[in-house]
Amino acid sequence: MAIKKVFKCAFSFSDSLAAVKDVNGKWGYINHAGEWVITPQFEMASRFKNGEAVVYVLTKPTKKNKIVLQKEKLIDKTGREIKK
């Protein structure tokens, strides 16, 4: 299946969604029609498995503004964080 939109990077489909990196460098998820299901907002995203995926988001910089940390989150197919 060919997707008409242009992305910087993409994973194969799993659980009917594919993680893709947009032209601004953020990751989100598209469906088989190439439509955004979860808008690009993550620093990195993994493939869905059993309705869950691991994503990374930036946290606030430290007080000295020297380090920006990434936080791992587990999300569902709507983009909502799953608390475990």
Protein backbone atom coordinates (compact mmCIF):
# COMPACT_ATOMS: atom_id res chain seq x y z
CA MET A 1 0.00 0.00 0.00
CA ALA A 2 1.36 3.42 -0.90
CA ILE A 3 0.78 6.50 1.24
CA LYS A 4 0.73 9.75 -0.75
CA LYS A 5 2.01 12.04 2.01
CA VAL A 6 5.71 12.59 2.48
CA PHE A 7 7.24 11.77 5.84
CA LYS A 8 10.81 11.84 7.09
CA CYS A 9 10.58 8.32 8.48
CA ALA A 10 7.92 5.65 9.04
CA PHE A 11 7.47 2.26 10.64
CA SER A 12 5.30 -0.46 9.16
CA PHE A 13 1.68 -0.77 10.23
CA SER A 14 0.82 -2.68 13.39
CA ASP A 15 -2.57 -2.71 15.11
CA SER A 16 -3.79 -0.71 12.05
CA LEU A 17 -1.52 2.29 12.80
CA ALA A 18 1.95 3.30 11.65
CA ALA A 19 4.32 5.55 13.57
CA VAL A 20 5.60 8.30 11.26
CA LYS A 21 7.92 11.27 11.64
CA ASP A 22 6.64 14.50 10.11
CA VAL A 23 8.70 17.15 8.34
CA ASN A 24 9.14 19.00 11.67
CA GLY A 25 10.77 15.98 13.30
CA LYS A 26 7.87 14.97 15.55
CA TRP A 27 6.34 11.49 15.64
CA GLY A 28 2.66 10.62 15.44
CA TYR A 29 0.48 7.85 14.03
CA ILE A 30 -1.44 7.47 10.77
CA ASN A 31 -4.09 5.01 9.60
CA HIS A 32 -4.05 3.06 6.32
CA ALA A 33 -5.60 6.04 4.50
CA GLY A 34 -2.59 8.18 5.51
CA GLU A 35 -4.66 10.32 7.90
CA TRP A 36 -3.33 11.41 11.26
CA VAL A 37 -4.96 9.45 14.08
CA ILE A 38 -2.54 10.74 16.74
CA THR A 39 -1.02 14.08 15.78
CA PRO A 40 2.77 14.42 15.68
CA GLN A 41 3.88 15.40 19.19
CA PHE A 42 6.46 12.87 20.31
CA GLU A 43 10.27 12.85 20.15
CA MET A 44 10.16 9.14 19.32
CA ALA A 45 7.42 6.55 18.93
CA SER A 46 7.30 2.76 18.78
CA ARG A 47 4.95 0.39 16.98
CA PHE A 48 1.64 -0.51 18.59
CA LYS A 49 1.26 -3.95 20.11
CA ASN A 50 -1.99 -5.10 21.72
CA GLY A 51 -3.32 -1.54 21.58
CA GLU A 52 -0.34 0.05 23.36
CA ALA A 53 2.81 1.89 22.24
CA VAL A 54 5.78 3.49 23.96
CA VAL A 55 6.51 7.13 23.10
CA TYR A 56 9.02 9.68 24.35
CA VAL A 57 8.23 13.28 25.19
CA LEU A 58 10.45 16.15 26.27
CA THR A 59 10.25 17.26 29.85
CA LYS A 60 10.98 20.77 31.08
CA PRO A 61 14.63 21.80 31.11
CA THR A 62 16.55 21.69 34.37
CA LYS A 63 16.87 24.91 36.35
CA LYS A 64 20.24 25.54 34.73
CA ASN A 65 18.69 24.97 31.27
CA LYS A 66 21.51 22.62 30.38
CA ILE A 67 19.70 19.32 29.95
CA VAL A 68 16.36 18.46 28.42
CA LEU A 69 15.24 15.04 29.55
CA GLN A 70 13.01 12.62 27.69
CA LYS A 71 10.24 10.81 29.50
CA GLU A 72 8.90 7.45 28.39
CA LYS A 73 5.10 7.12 28.24
CA LEU A 74 2.74 4.30 27.36
CA ILE A 75 -0.20 5.39 25.18
CA ASP A 76 -3.36 3.80 23.79
CA LYS A 77 -4.59 4.06 20.19
CA THR A 78 -6.24 7.44 20.90
CA GLY A 79 -2.96 8.94 22.15
CA ARG A 80 -4.00 8.97 25.81
CA GLU A 81 -1.41 8.00 28.39
CA ILE A 82 -1.93 4.64 30.07
CA LYS A 83 -1.05 4.64 33.76
CA LYS A 84 0.22 1.29 35.00
